[in-house]
Amino acid sequence: MIVSNHLKKVDHSKELVFVPITINYDRVIEGEVFPNDLLGEGPIKESFFRAFKQMISVKKNVGKVYVRYGSPLSLNDYL
C-alpha cells in the first residue's frame, strides 16, 4: 500500500526508504513446531489446549532479544 501510494504521487521529491529489521531471541518461541517444519512434516492441528498453552508461554522469559538493522533500501534506486 505504501509503495502504490508513493507511485501514484506526481511529485517524487520525497524518497521512500525501507530499513530491513530482524528480531531474534535466545529461545525460539515456536520451539515445538520448528523441528517439524525442518523435517517437512505437516502442521500440528490447533486445539483449545494448544491455544491455552501458548497464552501461558507468552509470559515466559525468551532470553536476550537481538534487534539488527540492515542497510537502508531506496525505492527510487530500485526503480
N, C-alpha and C. Protein backbone atom coordinates (compact mmCIF):
# COMPACT_ATOMS: atom_id res chain seq x y z
N MET A 1 0.83 -1.18 0.00
CA MET A 1 0.00 0.00 0.00
C MET A 1 0.88 1.25 0.00
N ILE A 2 1.95 1.20 0.75
CA ILE A 2 2.84 2.36 0.82
C ILE A 2 3.48 2.63 -0.53
N VAL A 3 3.95 1.56 -1.17
CA VAL A 3 4.61 1.72 -2.48
C VAL A 3 3.63 2.21 -3.53
N SER A 4 2.43 1.62 -3.58
CA SER A 4 1.46 2.04 -4.60
C SER A 4 1.03 3.49 -4.38
N ASN A 5 0.90 3.91 -3.13
CA ASN A 5 0.55 5.30 -2.84
C ASN A 5 1.69 6.23 -3.25
N HIS A 6 2.91 5.82 -3.01
CA HIS A 6 4.08 6.63 -3.39
C HIS A 6 4.16 6.77 -4.91
N LEU A 7 3.87 5.69 -5.64
CA LEU A 7 3.95 5.72 -7.10
C LEU A 7 2.83 6.54 -7.72
N LYS A 8 1.70 6.66 -7.05
CA LYS A 8 0.57 7.44 -7.57
C LYS A 8 0.85 8.94 -7.52
N LYS A 9 1.71 9.35 -6.59
CA LYS A 9 2.01 10.78 -6.45
C LYS A 9 2.80 11.25 -7.67
N VAL A 10 2.48 12.45 -8.10
CA VAL A 10 3.18 13.05 -9.25
C VAL A 10 4.56 13.52 -8.81
N ASP A 11 4.63 14.11 -7.62
CA ASP A 11 5.89 14.65 -7.11
C ASP A 11 6.63 13.56 -6.33
N HIS A 12 7.75 13.09 -6.85
CA HIS A 12 8.55 12.07 -6.18
C HIS A 12 9.78 12.68 -5.52
N SER A 13 9.64 13.93 -5.05
CA SER A 13 10.80 14.59 -4.45
C SER A 13 11.17 13.94 -3.11
N LYS A 14 10.19 13.38 -2.42
CA LYS A 14 10.48 12.68 -1.16
C LYS A 14 10.87 11.25 -1.48
N GLU A 15 11.96 10.82 -0.89
CA GLU A 15 12.46 9.48 -1.14
C GLU A 15 11.81 8.49 -0.18
N LEU A 16 11.47 7.32 -0.69
CA LEU A 16 10.89 6.26 0.14
C LEU A 16 11.98 5.24 0.41
N VAL A 17 12.30 5.04 1.70
CA VAL A 17 13.40 4.17 2.09
C VAL A 17 12.87 3.10 3.04
N PHE A 18 13.27 1.85 2.79
CA PHE A 18 12.92 0.73 3.65
C PHE A 18 14.16 0.30 4.43
N VAL A 19 13.98 0.00 5.70
CA VAL A 19 15.08 -0.48 6.53
C VAL A 19 14.72 -1.88 7.01
N PRO A 20 15.44 -2.91 6.52
CA PRO A 20 15.16 -4.27 6.97
C PRO A 20 15.57 -4.45 8.44
N ILE A 21 14.70 -5.10 9.20
CA ILE A 21 14.95 -5.32 10.62
C ILE A 21 14.70 -6.78 10.94
N THR A 22 15.59 -7.39 11.74
CA THR A 22 15.36 -8.74 12.24
C THR A 22 15.30 -8.69 13.75
N ILE A 23 14.42 -9.49 14.32
CA ILE A 23 14.31 -9.62 15.77
C ILE A 23 14.52 -11.09 16.10
N ASN A 24 15.57 -11.39 16.85
CA ASN A 24 15.91 -12.76 17.21
C ASN A 24 15.93 -12.91 18.73
N TYR A 25 15.62 -14.10 19.18
CA TYR A 25 15.58 -14.41 20.61
C TYR A 25 16.51 -15.57 20.90
N ASP A 26 16.97 -15.67 22.17
CA ASP A 26 17.76 -16.83 22.58
C ASP A 26 16.94 -18.10 22.48
N ARG A 27 15.67 -18.03 22.85
CA ARG A 27 14.79 -19.19 22.83
C ARG A 27 13.79 -19.02 21.69
N VAL A 28 13.67 -20.03 20.86
CA VAL A 28 12.74 -19.97 19.74
C VAL A 28 11.32 -20.11 20.28
N ILE A 29 10.47 -19.15 20.00
CA ILE A 29 9.10 -19.15 20.52
C ILE A 29 8.30 -20.32 19.94
N GLU A 30 8.51 -20.61 18.66
CA GLU A 30 7.81 -21.72 18.00
C GLU A 30 8.61 -23.00 18.16
N GLY A 31 9.25 -23.21 19.30
CA GLY A 31 10.17 -24.31 19.53
C GLY A 31 9.66 -25.69 19.21
N GLU A 32 8.42 -26.01 19.55
CA GLU A 32 7.94 -27.37 19.31
C GLU A 32 7.49 -27.59 17.88
N VAL A 33 7.20 -26.54 17.14
CA VAL A 33 6.75 -26.67 15.75
C VAL A 33 7.93 -26.61 14.79
N PHE A 34 8.97 -25.90 15.17
CA PHE A 34 10.13 -25.67 14.29
C PHE A 34 10.77 -26.96 13.77
N PRO A 35 11.05 -27.96 14.62
CA PRO A 35 11.65 -29.21 14.10
C PRO A 35 10.76 -29.89 13.06
N ASN A 36 9.44 -29.84 13.25
CA ASN A 36 8.52 -30.44 12.27
C ASN A 36 8.64 -29.73 10.91
N ASP A 37 8.78 -28.41 10.94
CA ASP A 37 8.93 -27.65 9.70
C ASP A 37 10.21 -28.04 8.98
N LEU A 38 11.30 -28.21 9.74
CA LEU A 38 12.58 -28.58 9.14
C LEU A 38 12.53 -29.97 8.51
N LEU A 39 11.75 -30.86 9.11
CA LEU A 39 11.63 -32.22 8.59
C LEU A 39 10.61 -32.34 7.47
N GLY A 40 9.89 -31.24 7.19
CA GLY A 40 8.91 -31.25 6.12
C GLY A 40 7.59 -31.90 6.51
N GLU A 41 7.36 -32.08 7.80
CA GLU A 41 6.10 -32.67 8.26
C GLU A 41 5.00 -31.62 8.22
N GLY A 42 3.78 -32.08 8.19
CA GLY A 42 2.64 -31.19 8.14
C GLY A 42 2.47 -30.40 9.43
N PRO A 43 1.63 -29.39 9.38
CA PRO A 43 1.40 -28.56 10.57
C PRO A 43 0.66 -29.34 11.66
N ILE A 44 0.90 -28.92 12.90
CA ILE A 44 0.22 -29.52 14.05
C ILE A 44 -1.18 -28.93 14.14
N LYS A 45 -2.17 -29.79 14.37
CA LYS A 45 -3.55 -29.31 14.48
C LYS A 45 -3.71 -28.41 15.69
N GLU A 46 -4.46 -27.36 15.50
CA GLU A 46 -4.74 -26.43 16.60
C GLU A 46 -5.85 -27.01 17.47
N SER A 47 -5.77 -26.70 18.75
CA SER A 47 -6.80 -27.13 19.68
C SER A 47 -6.90 -26.09 20.79
N PHE A 48 -7.95 -26.19 21.59
CA PHE A 48 -8.13 -25.25 22.69
C PHE A 48 -6.96 -25.38 23.66
N PHE A 49 -6.54 -26.61 23.95
CA PHE A 49 -5.44 -26.84 24.89
C PHE A 49 -4.14 -26.20 24.38
N ARG A 50 -3.86 -26.35 23.07
CA ARG A 50 -2.65 -25.74 22.49
C ARG A 50 -2.70 -24.23 22.56
N ALA A 51 -3.86 -23.65 22.28
CA ALA A 51 -4.01 -22.19 22.35
C ALA A 51 -3.82 -21.70 23.79
N PHE A 52 -4.39 -22.43 24.75
CA PHE A 52 -4.25 -22.07 26.17
C PHE A 52 -2.79 -22.17 26.59
N LYS A 53 -2.12 -23.24 26.17
CA LYS A 53 -0.72 -23.43 26.50
C LYS A 53 0.14 -22.30 25.91
N GLN A 54 -0.19 -21.87 24.71
CA GLN A 54 0.54 -20.78 24.06
C GLN A 54 0.35 -19.46 24.81
N MET A 55 -0.86 -19.21 25.30
CA MET A 55 -1.11 -17.98 26.06
C MET A 55 -0.28 -17.95 27.33
N ILE A 56 -0.13 -19.09 27.98
CA ILE A 56 0.68 -19.16 29.19
C ILE A 56 2.16 -18.95 28.87
N SER A 57 2.62 -19.51 27.77
CA SER A 57 4.05 -19.42 27.42
C SER A 57 4.46 -18.02 26.98
N VAL A 58 3.51 -17.15 26.66
CA VAL A 58 3.84 -15.79 26.25
C VAL A 58 4.56 -15.05 27.37
N LYS A 59 4.25 -15.39 28.60
CA LYS A 59 4.86 -14.72 29.74
C LYS A 59 6.24 -15.26 30.09
N LYS A 60 6.66 -16.35 29.44
CA LYS A 60 7.95 -16.96 29.73
C LYS A 60 9.08 -16.08 29.23
N ASN A 61 10.22 -16.21 29.90
CA ASN A 61 11.40 -15.48 29.51
C ASN A 61 11.99 -16.12 28.25
N VAL A 62 12.22 -15.32 27.22
CA VAL A 62 12.78 -15.83 25.97
C VAL A 62 14.28 -15.57 25.89
N GLY A 63 14.87 -15.08 26.96
CA GLY A 63 16.30 -14.78 26.97
C GLY A 63 16.56 -13.40 26.39
N LYS A 64 17.74 -13.23 25.86
CA LYS A 64 18.10 -11.94 25.27
C LYS A 64 17.40 -11.77 23.93
N VAL A 65 17.07 -10.53 23.64
CA VAL A 65 16.45 -10.18 22.37
C VAL A 65 17.48 -9.39 21.57
N TYR A 66 17.69 -9.80 20.33
CA TYR A 66 18.65 -9.14 19.45
C TYR A 66 17.90 -8.48 18.31
N VAL A 67 18.11 -7.17 18.16
CA VAL A 67 17.49 -6.42 17.06
C VAL A 67 18.63 -5.95 16.15
N ARG A 68 18.54 -6.30 14.89
CA ARG A 68 19.57 -5.89 13.94
C ARG A 68 18.92 -5.13 12.78
N TYR A 69 19.59 -4.09 12.36
CA TYR A 69 19.11 -3.24 11.28
C TYR A 69 19.99 -3.45 10.05
N GLY A 70 19.35 -3.66 8.92
CA GLY A 70 20.10 -3.82 7.67
C GLY A 70 20.35 -2.48 7.02
N SER A 71 21.00 -2.51 5.89
CA SER A 71 21.26 -1.27 5.14
C SER A 71 19.96 -0.76 4.54
N PRO A 72 19.73 0.55 4.61
CA PRO A 72 18.51 1.11 4.03
C PRO A 72 18.44 0.87 2.53
N LEU A 73 17.23 0.60 2.04
CA LEU A 73 17.00 0.35 0.62
C LEU A 73 16.09 1.44 0.06
N SER A 74 16.56 2.15 -0.94
CA SER A 74 15.79 3.24 -1.53
C SER A 74 14.91 2.69 -2.66
N LEU A 75 13.64 3.05 -2.64
CA LEU A 75 12.73 2.64 -3.71
C LEU A 75 13.12 3.31 -5.02
N ASN A 76 13.53 4.56 -4.98
CA ASN A 76 13.92 5.28 -6.19
C ASN A 76 15.13 4.61 -6.85
N ASP A 77 16.10 4.16 -6.06
CA ASP A 77 17.26 3.45 -6.61
C ASP A 77 16.84 2.13 -7.24
N TYR A 78 15.89 1.44 -6.61
CA TYR A 78 15.42 0.15 -7.10
C TYR A 78 14.69 0.30 -8.45
N LEU A 79 13.86 1.35 -8.52
CA LEU A 79 13.08 1.56 -9.75
C LEU A 79 13.98 2.09 -10.85
